[in-house]
């Protein structure tokens, strides 16, 4: 009974998490990709479109990804460090 309830809850949660997504990535009607193509160089001054998008339009996203990576690496380091200390003490 508990497994059935868990599966039903996961399906409902998955539906609510996936349903707001617009799965037409790169579709011209979205406008974002066309805006980047048309005004990327003018807005950012970068000669490379990838650099313009990555460092100017998506800078906060990039900073967030770097922060998550740093925090996870630090967490793994701390877990491994504690395990080594336990083994050397005992």
PDB file of N, CA and C in Angstrom:
ATOM      1  N   UNK A   1       0.824  -1.202   0.000  1.00  0.00           N
ATOM      2  CA  UNK A   1       0.000   0.000   0.000  1.00  0.00           C
ATOM      3  C   UNK A   1       0.859   1.254   0.000  1.00  0.00           C
ATOM      4  N   UNK A   2       1.947   1.232   0.794  1.00  0.00           N
ATOM      5  CA  UNK A   2       2.806   2.412   0.866  1.00  0.00           C
ATOM      6  C   UNK A   2       3.517   2.670  -0.459  1.00  0.00           C
ATOM      7  N   UNK A   3       3.912   1.607  -1.156  1.00  0.00           N
ATOM      8  CA  UNK A   3       4.578   1.782  -2.443  1.00  0.00           C
ATOM      9  C   UNK A   3       3.631   2.366  -3.476  1.00  0.00           C
ATOM     10  N   UNK A   4       2.411   1.909  -3.476  1.00  0.00           N
ATOM     11  CA  UNK A   4       1.423   2.430  -4.422  1.00  0.00           C
ATOM     12  C   UNK A   4       1.179   3.907  -4.157  1.00  0.00           C
ATOM     13  N   UNK A   5       1.054   4.270  -2.899  1.00  0.00           N
ATOM     14  CA  UNK A   5       0.861   5.676  -2.541  1.00  0.00           C
ATOM     15  C   UNK A   5       2.070   6.514  -2.948  1.00  0.00           C
ATOM     16  N   UNK A   6       3.266   5.987  -2.739  1.00  0.00           N
ATOM     17  CA  UNK A   6       4.479   6.712  -3.110  1.00  0.00           C
ATOM     18  C   UNK A   6       4.560   6.909  -4.623  1.00  0.00           C
ATOM     19  N   UNK A   7       4.200   5.884  -5.391  1.00  0.00           N
ATOM     20  CA  UNK A   7       4.228   5.999  -6.847  1.00  0.00           C
ATOM     21  C   UNK A   7       3.199   7.015  -7.323  1.00  0.00           C
ATOM     22  N   UNK A   8       2.026   6.992  -6.759  1.00  0.00           N
ATOM     23  CA  UNK A   8       0.980   7.946  -7.142  1.00  0.00           C
ATOM     24  C   UNK A   8       1.424   9.379  -6.821  1.00  0.00           C
ATOM     25  N   UNK A   9       2.004   9.583  -5.657  1.00  0.00           N
ATOM     26  CA  UNK A   9       2.479  10.916  -5.283  1.00  0.00           C
ATOM     27  C   UNK A   9       3.587  11.377  -6.225  1.00  0.00           C
ATOM     28  N   UNK A  10       4.506  10.482  -6.583  1.00  0.00           N
ATOM     29  CA  UNK A  10       5.574  10.838  -7.512  1.00  0.00           C
ATOM     30  C   UNK A  10       5.047  11.175  -8.892  1.00  0.00           C
ATOM     31  N   UNK A  11       4.050  10.449  -9.352  1.00  0.00           N
ATOM     32  CA  UNK A  11       3.464  10.744 -10.657  1.00  0.00           C
ATOM     33  C   UNK A  11       2.779  12.100 -10.640  1.00  0.00           C
ATOM     34  N   UNK A  12       2.025  12.383  -9.589  1.00  0.00           N
ATOM     35  CA  UNK A  12       1.356  13.682  -9.482  1.00  0.00           C
ATOM     36  C   UNK A  12       2.377  14.813  -9.375  1.00  0.00           C
ATOM     37  N   UNK A  13       3.399  14.629  -8.572  1.00  0.00           N
ATOM     38  CA  UNK A  13       4.445  15.637  -8.433  1.00  0.00           C
ATOM     39  C   UNK A  13       5.177  15.843  -9.754  1.00  0.00           C
ATOM     40  N   UNK A  14       5.493  14.754 -10.438  1.00  0.00           N
ATOM     41  CA  UNK A  14       6.144  14.859 -11.743  1.00  0.00           C
ATOM     42  C   UNK A  14       5.294  15.599 -12.746  1.00  0.00           C
ATOM     43  N   UNK A  15       3.993  15.352 -12.732  1.00  0.00           N
ATOM     44  CA  UNK A  15       3.096  16.064 -13.641  1.00  0.00           C
ATOM     45  C   UNK A  15       3.122  17.558 -13.368  1.00  0.00           C
ATOM     46  N   UNK A  16       3.054  17.955 -12.099  1.00  0.00           N
ATOM     47  CA  UNK A  16       3.042  19.376 -11.773  1.00  0.00           C
ATOM     48  C   UNK A  16       4.388  20.046 -12.023  1.00  0.00           C
ATOM     49  N   UNK A  17       5.470  19.291 -11.951  1.00  0.00           N
ATOM     50  CA  UNK A  17       6.781  19.874 -12.227  1.00  0.00           C
ATOM     51  C   UNK A  17       7.066  19.992 -13.723  1.00  0.00           C
ATOM     52  N   UNK A  18       6.558  19.051 -14.516  1.00  0.00           N
ATOM     53  CA  UNK A  18       6.846  19.039 -15.945  1.00  0.00           C
ATOM     54  C   UNK A  18       5.804  19.816 -16.756  1.00  0.00           C
ATOM     55  N   UNK A  19       4.591  19.903 -16.311  1.00  0.00           N
ATOM     56  CA  UNK A  19       3.541  20.538 -17.092  1.00  0.00           C
ATOM     57  C   UNK A  19       3.793  22.018 -17.416  1.00  0.00           C
ATOM     58  N   UNK A  20       4.408  22.825 -16.551  1.00  0.00           N
ATOM     59  CA  UNK A  20       4.625  24.222 -16.941  1.00  0.00           C
ATOM     60  C   UNK A  20       5.711  24.407 -17.999  1.00  0.00           C
ATOM     61  N   UNK A  21       6.525  23.386 -18.228  1.00  0.00           N
ATOM     62  CA  UNK A  21       7.606  23.520 -19.196  1.00  0.00           C
ATOM     63  C   UNK A  21       7.052  23.582 -20.604  1.00  0.00           C
ATOM     64  N   UNK A  22       7.604  24.487 -21.362  1.00  0.00           N
ATOM     65  CA  UNK A  22       7.282  24.540 -22.775  1.00  0.00           C
ATOM     66  C   UNK A  22       8.352  23.733 -23.491  1.00  0.00           C
ATOM     67  N   UNK A  23       7.994  22.634 -24.088  1.00  0.00           N
ATOM     68  CA  UNK A  23       8.967  21.722 -24.654  1.00  0.00           C
ATOM     69  C   UNK A  23       9.355  22.072 -26.087  1.00  0.00           C
ATOM     70  N   UNK A  24       9.011  23.259 -26.564  1.00  0.00           N
ATOM     71  CA  UNK A  24       9.392  23.703 -27.907  1.00  0.00           C
ATOM     72  C   UNK A  24      10.679  24.505 -27.837  1.00  0.00           C
ATOM     73  N   UNK A  25      11.771  23.867 -27.392  1.00  0.00           N
ATOM     74  CA  UNK A  25      13.040  24.567 -27.266  1.00  0.00           C
ATOM     75  C   UNK A  25      13.540  24.981 -28.640  1.00  0.00           C
ATOM     76  N   UNK A  26      13.952  26.224 -28.756  1.00  0.00           N
ATOM     77  CA  UNK A  26      14.484  26.726 -30.003  1.00  0.00           C
ATOM     78  C   UNK A  26      13.430  27.079 -31.030  1.00  0.00           C
ATOM     79  N   UNK A  27      12.188  27.015 -30.666  1.00  0.00           N
ATOM     80  CA  UNK A  27      11.115  27.360 -31.585  1.00  0.00           C
ATOM     81  C   UNK A  27      11.096  28.869 -31.791  1.00  0.00           C
ATOM     82  N   UNK A  28      10.936  29.342 -33.031  1.00  0.00           N
ATOM     83  CA  UNK A  28      10.993  30.782 -33.285  1.00  0.00           C
ATOM     84  C   UNK A  28       9.939  31.604 -32.547  1.00  0.00           C
ATOM     85  N   UNK A  29       8.824  31.007 -32.172  1.00  0.00           N
ATOM     86  CA  UNK A  29       7.793  31.771 -31.497  1.00  0.00           C
ATOM     87  C   UNK A  29       8.175  32.140 -30.072  1.00  0.00           C
ATOM     88  N   UNK A  30       9.161  31.456 -29.501  1.00  0.00           N
ATOM     89  CA  UNK A  30       9.583  31.785 -28.147  1.00  0.00           C
ATOM     90  C   UNK A  30      10.204  33.172 -28.088  1.00  0.00           C
ATOM     91  N   UNK A  31      10.939  33.561 -29.120  1.00  0.00           N
ATOM     92  CA  UNK A  31      11.465  34.905 -29.181  1.00  0.00           C
ATOM     93  C   UNK A  31      12.815  35.101 -28.538  1.00  0.00           C
ATOM     94  N   UNK A  32      13.172  34.315 -27.528  1.00  0.00           N
ATOM     95  CA  UNK A  32      14.422  34.525 -26.815  1.00  0.00           C
ATOM     96  C   UNK A  32      15.613  34.219 -27.718  1.00  0.00           C
ATOM     97  N   UNK A  33      15.571  33.084 -28.391  1.00  0.00           N
ATOM     98  CA  UNK A  33      16.701  32.730 -29.253  1.00  0.00           C
ATOM     99  C   UNK A  33      16.844  33.724 -30.396  1.00  0.00           C
ATOM    100  N   UNK A  34      15.735  34.157 -30.954  1.00  0.00           N
ATOM    101  CA  UNK A  34      15.805  35.137 -32.040  1.00  0.00           C
ATOM    102  C   UNK A  34      16.324  36.475 -31.529  1.00  0.00           C
ATOM    103  N   UNK A  35      15.950  36.848 -30.319  1.00  0.00           N
ATOM    104  CA  UNK A  35      16.463  38.091 -29.733  1.00  0.00           C
ATOM    105  C   UNK A  35      17.977  38.001 -29.540  1.00  0.00           C
ATOM    106  N   UNK A  36      18.457  36.873 -29.028  1.00  0.00           N
ATOM    107  CA  UNK A  36      19.902  36.693 -28.853  1.00  0.00           C
ATOM    108  C   UNK A  36      20.634  36.799 -30.187  1.00  0.00           C
ATOM    109  N   UNK A  37      20.068  36.216 -31.232  1.00  0.00           N
ATOM    110  CA  UNK A  37      20.710  36.266 -32.548  1.00  0.00           C
ATOM    111  C   UNK A  37      20.714  37.684 -33.098  1.00  0.00           C
ATOM    112  N   UNK A  38      19.593  38.387 -32.954  1.00  0.00           N
ATOM    113  CA  UNK A  38      19.480  39.721 -33.542  1.00  0.00           C
ATOM    114  C   UNK A  38      20.239  40.789 -32.763  1.00  0.00           C
ATOM    115  N   UNK A  39      20.194  40.752 -31.439  1.00  0.00           N
ATOM    116  CA  UNK A  39      20.728  41.849 -30.633  1.00  0.00           C
ATOM    117  C   UNK A  39      21.879  41.460 -29.716  1.00  0.00           C
ATOM    118  N   UNK A  40      22.368  40.223 -29.795  1.00  0.00           N
ATOM    119  CA  UNK A  40      23.424  39.772 -28.899  1.00  0.00           C
ATOM    120  C   UNK A  40      24.694  40.583 -28.998  1.00  0.00           C
ATOM    121  N   UNK A  41      25.149  40.824 -30.200  1.00  0.00           N
ATOM    122  CA  UNK A  41      26.384  41.578 -30.396  1.00  0.00           C
ATOM    123  C   UNK A  41      26.188  43.038 -30.015  1.00  0.00           C
ATOM    124  N   UNK A  42      25.045  43.604 -30.346  1.00  0.00           N
ATOM    125  CA  UNK A  42      24.779  45.014 -30.032  1.00  0.00           C
ATOM    126  C   UNK A  42      24.659  45.227 -28.523  1.00  0.00           C
ATOM    127  N   UNK A  43      23.941  44.347 -27.835  1.00  0.00           N
ATOM    128  CA  UNK A  43      23.725  44.500 -26.395  1.00  0.00           C
ATOM    129  C   UNK A  43      24.998  44.287 -25.582  1.00  0.00           C
ATOM    130  N   UNK A  44      25.813  43.325 -25.985  1.00  0.00           N
ATOM    131  CA  UNK A  44      26.949  42.941 -25.151  1.00  0.00           C
ATOM    132  C   UNK A  44      28.284  43.464 -25.639  1.00  0.00           C
ATOM    133  N   UNK A  45      28.417  43.717 -26.901  1.00  0.00           N
ATOM    134  CA  UNK A  45      29.692  44.151 -27.447  1.00  0.00           C
ATOM    135  C   UNK A  45      30.674  43.016 -27.671  1.00  0.00           C
ATOM    136  N   UNK A  46      30.253  41.798 -27.422  1.00  0.00           N
ATOM    137  CA  UNK A  46      31.127  40.642 -27.613  1.00  0.00           C
ATOM    138  C   UNK A  46      31.090  40.221 -29.077  1.00  0.00           C
ATOM    139  N   UNK A  47      32.226  39.816 -29.606  1.00  0.00           N
ATOM    140  CA  UNK A  47      32.276  39.395 -31.005  1.00  0.00           C
ATOM    141  C   UNK A  47      31.861  37.930 -31.166  1.00  0.00           C
ATOM    142  N   UNK A  48      31.881  37.180 -30.087  1.00  0.00           N
ATOM    143  CA  UNK A  48      31.509  35.777 -30.107  1.00  0.00           C
ATOM    144  C   UNK A  48      30.139  35.619 -29.464  1.00  0.00           C
ATOM    145  N   UNK A  49      29.199  35.032 -30.175  1.00  0.00           N
ATOM    146  CA  UNK A  49      27.828  34.910 -29.672  1.00  0.00           C
ATOM    147  C   UNK A  49      27.753  34.005 -28.446  1.00  0.00           C
ATOM    148  N   UNK A  50      28.550  32.937 -28.399  1.00  0.00           N
ATOM    149  CA  UNK A  50      28.537  32.041 -27.248  1.00  0.00           C
ATOM    150  C   UNK A  50      29.008  32.792 -26.002  1.00  0.00           C
ATOM    151  N   UNK A  51      30.058  33.568 -26.139  1.00  0.00           N
ATOM    152  CA  UNK A  51      30.557  34.358 -25.021  1.00  0.00           C
ATOM    153  C   UNK A  51      29.520  35.384 -24.578  1.00  0.00           C
ATOM    154  N   UNK A  52      28.855  36.007 -25.520  1.00  0.00           N
ATOM    155  CA  UNK A  52      27.832  37.001 -25.194  1.00  0.00           C
ATOM    156  C   UNK A  52      26.712  36.387 -24.372  1.00  0.00           C
ATOM    157  N   UNK A  53      26.248  35.210 -24.777  1.00  0.00           N
ATOM    158  CA  UNK A  53      25.147  34.567 -24.055  1.00  0.00           C
ATOM    159  C   UNK A  53      25.623  34.048 -22.711  1.00  0.00           C
ATOM    160  N   UNK A  54      26.783  33.400 -22.702  1.00  0.00           N
ATOM    161  CA  UNK A  54      27.264  32.728 -21.495  1.00  0.00           C
ATOM    162  C   UNK A  54      27.671  33.717 -20.407  1.00  0.00           C
ATOM    163  N   UNK A  55      28.360  34.762 -20.762  1.00  0.00           N
ATOM    164  CA  UNK A  55      28.892  35.672 -19.751  1.00  0.00           C
ATOM    165  C   UNK A  55      28.034  36.904 -19.492  1.00  0.00           C
ATOM    166  N   UNK A  56      27.179  37.269 -20.418  1.00  0.00           N
ATOM    167  CA  UNK A  56      26.376  38.470 -20.211  1.00  0.00           C
ATOM    168  C   UNK A  56      24.919  38.166 -19.893  1.00  0.00           C
ATOM    169  N   UNK A  57      24.260  37.419 -20.752  1.00  0.00           N
ATOM    170  CA  UNK A  57      22.851  37.123 -20.518  1.00  0.00           C
ATOM    171  C   UNK A  57      22.661  36.106 -19.392  1.00  0.00           C
ATOM    172  N   UNK A  58      23.565  35.143 -19.274  1.00  0.00           N
ATOM    173  CA  UNK A  58      23.399  34.056 -18.322  1.00  0.00           C
ATOM    174  C   UNK A  58      24.408  34.120 -17.189  1.00  0.00           C
ATOM    175  N   UNK A  59      24.884  35.293 -16.836  1.00  0.00           N
ATOM    176  CA  UNK A  59      25.950  35.422 -15.832  1.00  0.00           C
ATOM    177  C   UNK A  59      25.495  34.933 -14.455  1.00  0.00           C
ATOM    178  N   UNK A  60      24.289  35.287 -14.051  1.00  0.00           N
ATOM    179  CA  UNK A  60      23.821  34.844 -12.735  1.00  0.00           C
ATOM    180  C   UNK A  60      23.626  33.331 -12.696  1.00  0.00           C
ATOM    181  N   UNK A  61      23.164  32.763 -13.783  1.00  0.00           N
ATOM    182  CA  UNK A  61      23.006  31.322 -13.860  1.00  0.00           C
ATOM    183  C   UNK A  61      24.373  30.641 -13.767  1.00  0.00           C
ATOM    184  N   UNK A  62      25.361  31.197 -14.457  1.00  0.00           N
ATOM    185  CA  UNK A  62      26.708  30.649 -14.406  1.00  0.00           C
ATOM    186  C   UNK A  62      27.289  30.760 -13.004  1.00  0.00           C
ATOM    187  N   UNK A  63      27.068  31.888 -12.351  1.00  0.00           N
ATOM    188  CA  UNK A  63      27.539  32.063 -10.982  1.00  0.00           C
ATOM    189  C   UNK A  63      26.867  31.058 -10.047  1.00  0.00           C
ATOM    190  N   UNK A  64      25.589  30.832 -10.227  1.00  0.00           N
ATOM    191  CA  UNK A  64      24.880  29.843  -9.413  1.00  0.00           C
ATOM    192  C   UNK A  64      25.408  28.442  -9.626  1.00  0.00           C
ATOM    193  N   UNK A  65      25.679  28.079 -10.879  1.00  0.00           N
ATOM    194  CA  UNK A  65      26.225  26.750 -11.159  1.00  0.00           C
ATOM    195  C   UNK A  65      27.601  26.580 -10.522  1.00  0.00           C
ATOM    196  N   UNK A  66      28.426  27.615 -10.595  1.00  0.00           N
ATOM    197  CA  UNK A  66      29.754  27.538  -9.979  1.00  0.00           C
ATOM    198  C   UNK A  66      29.645  27.419  -8.462  1.00  0.00           C
ATOM    199  N   UNK A  67      28.684  28.109  -7.866  1.00  0.00           N
ATOM    200  CA  UNK A  67      28.489  28.041  -6.418  1.00  0.00           C
ATOM    201  C   UNK A  67      28.041  26.645  -5.992  1.00  0.00           C
ATOM    202  N   UNK A  68      27.116  26.054  -6.735  1.00  0.00           N
ATOM    203  CA  UNK A  68      26.653  24.705  -6.425  1.00  0.00           C
ATOM    204  C   UNK A  68      27.797  23.704  -6.585  1.00  0.00           C
ATOM    205  N   UNK A  69      28.585  23.854  -7.632  1.00  0.00           N
ATOM    206  CA  UNK A  69      29.725  22.960  -7.835  1.00  0.00           C
ATOM    207  C   UNK A  69      30.721  23.088  -6.692  1.00  0.00           C
ATOM    208  N   UNK A  70      31.022  24.310  -6.281  1.00  0.00           N
ATOM    209  CA  UNK A  70      31.963  24.529  -5.186  1.00  0.00           C
ATOM    210  C   UNK A  70      31.431  23.931  -3.882  1.00  0.00           C
ATOM    211  N   UNK A  71      30.151  24.158  -3.596  1.00  0.00           N
ATOM    212  CA  UNK A  71      29.562  23.637  -2.360  1.00  0.00           C
ATOM    213  C   UNK A  71      29.559  22.105  -2.353  1.00  0.00           C
ATOM    214  N   UNK A  72      29.265  21.494  -3.496  1.00  0.00           N
ATOM    215  CA  UNK A  72      29.253  20.030  -3.534  1.00  0.00           C
ATOM    216  C   UNK A  72      30.667  19.467  -3.412  1.00  0.00           C
ATOM    217  N   UNK A  73      31.641  20.107  -4.041  1.00  0.00           N
ATOM    218  CA  UNK A  73      33.023  19.654  -3.910  1.00  0.00           C
ATOM    219  C   UNK A  73      33.504  19.807  -2.471  1.00  0.00           C
ATOM    220  N   UNK A  74      33.137  20.899  -1.831  1.00  0.00           N
ATOM    221  CA  UNK A  74      33.503  21.109  -0.434  1.00  0.00           C
ATOM    222  C   UNK A  74      32.839  20.069   0.464  1.00  0.00           C
ATOM    223  N   UNK A  75      31.579  19.743   0.190  1.00  0.00           N
ATOM    224  CA  UNK A  75      30.879  18.726   0.973  1.00  0.00           C
ATOM    225  C   UNK A  75      31.515  17.356   0.833  1.00  0.00           C
ATOM    226  N   UNK A  76      31.889  16.988  -0.373  1.00  0.00           N
ATOM    227  CA  UNK A  76      32.554  15.703  -0.586  1.00  0.00           C
ATOM    228  C   UNK A  76      33.896  15.683   0.136  1.00  0.00           C
ATOM    229  N   UNK A  77      34.635  16.778   0.049  1.00  0.00           N
ATOM    230  CA  UNK A  77      35.913  16.868   0.739  1.00  0.00           C
ATOM    231  C   UNK A  77      35.736  16.709   2.245  1.00  0.00           C
ATOM    232  N   UNK A  78      34.729  17.367   2.807  1.00  0.00           N
ATOM    233  CA  UNK A  78      34.498  17.279   4.246  1.00  0.00           C
ATOM    234  C   UNK A  78      34.086  15.864   4.659  1.00  0.00           C
ATOM    235  N   UNK A  79      33.266  15.197   3.848  1.00  0.00           N
ATOM    236  CA  UNK A  79      32.876  13.825   4.165  1.00  0.00           C
ATOM    237  C   UNK A  79      34.068  12.887   4.116  1.00  0.00           C
ATOM    238  N   UNK A  80      34.901  13.045   3.114  1.00  0.00           N
ATOM    239  CA  UNK A  80      36.079  12.184   3.014  1.00  0.00           C
ATOM    240  C   UNK A  80      37.084  12.496   4.110  1.00  0.00           C
ATOM    241  N   UNK A  81      37.199  13.743   4.477  1.00  0.00           N
ATOM    242  CA  UNK A  81      38.132  14.149   5.525  1.00  0.00           C
ATOM    243  C   UNK A  81      37.707  13.544   6.864  1.00  0.00           C
ATOM    244  N   UNK A  82      36.438  13.581   7.167  1.00  0.00           N
ATOM    245  CA  UNK A  82      35.950  13.023   8.432  1.00  0.00           C
ATOM    246  C   UNK A  82      36.162  11.518   8.474  1.00  0.00           C
ATOM    247  N   UNK A  83      35.978  10.854   7.364  1.00  0.00           N
ATOM    248  CA  UNK A  83      36.167   9.409   7.312  1.00  0.00           C
ATOM    249  C   UNK A  83      37.627   9.056   7.557  1.00  0.00           C
ATOM    250  N   UNK A  84      38.550   9.829   7.005  1.00  0.00           N
ATOM    251  CA  UNK A  84      39.979   9.582   7.228  1.00  0.00           C
ATOM    252  C   UNK A  84      40.348   9.806   8.688  1.00  0.00           C
ATOM    253  N   UNK A  85      39.778  10.871   9.296  1.00  0.00           N
ATOM    254  CA  UNK A  85      40.069  11.152  10.701  1.00  0.00           C
ATOM    255  C   UNK A  85      39.548  10.039  11.604  1.00  0.00           C
ATOM    256  N   UNK A  86      38.375   9.490  11.282  1.00  0.00           N
ATOM    257  CA  UNK A  86      37.825   8.392  12.072  1.00  0.00           C
ATOM    258  C   UNK A  86      38.709   7.165  11.986  1.00  0.00           C
ATOM    259  N   UNK A  87      39.199   6.894  10.804  1.00  0.00           N
ATOM    260  CA  UNK A  87      40.036   5.707  10.629  1.00  0.00           C
ATOM    261  C   UNK A  87      41.394   5.870  11.307  1.00  0.00           C
ATOM    262  N   UNK A  88      41.940   7.071  11.346  1.00  0.00           N
ATOM    263  CA  UNK A  88      43.242   7.263  11.965  1.00  0.00           C
ATOM    264  C   UNK A  88      43.152   7.310  13.503  1.00  0.00           C
ATOM    265  N   UNK A  89      42.003   7.720  14.038  1.00  0.00           N
ATOM    266  CA  UNK A  89      41.833   7.780  15.494  1.00  0.00           C
ATOM    267  C   UNK A  89      41.602   6.403  16.105  1.00  0.00           C
ATOM    268  N   UNK A  90      40.922   5.549  15.396  1.00  0.00           N
ATOM    269  CA  UNK A  90      40.465   4.299  15.952  1.00  0.00           C
ATOM    270  C   UNK A  90      41.418   3.204  15.876  1.00  0.00           C
TER     271      UNK A  90
END
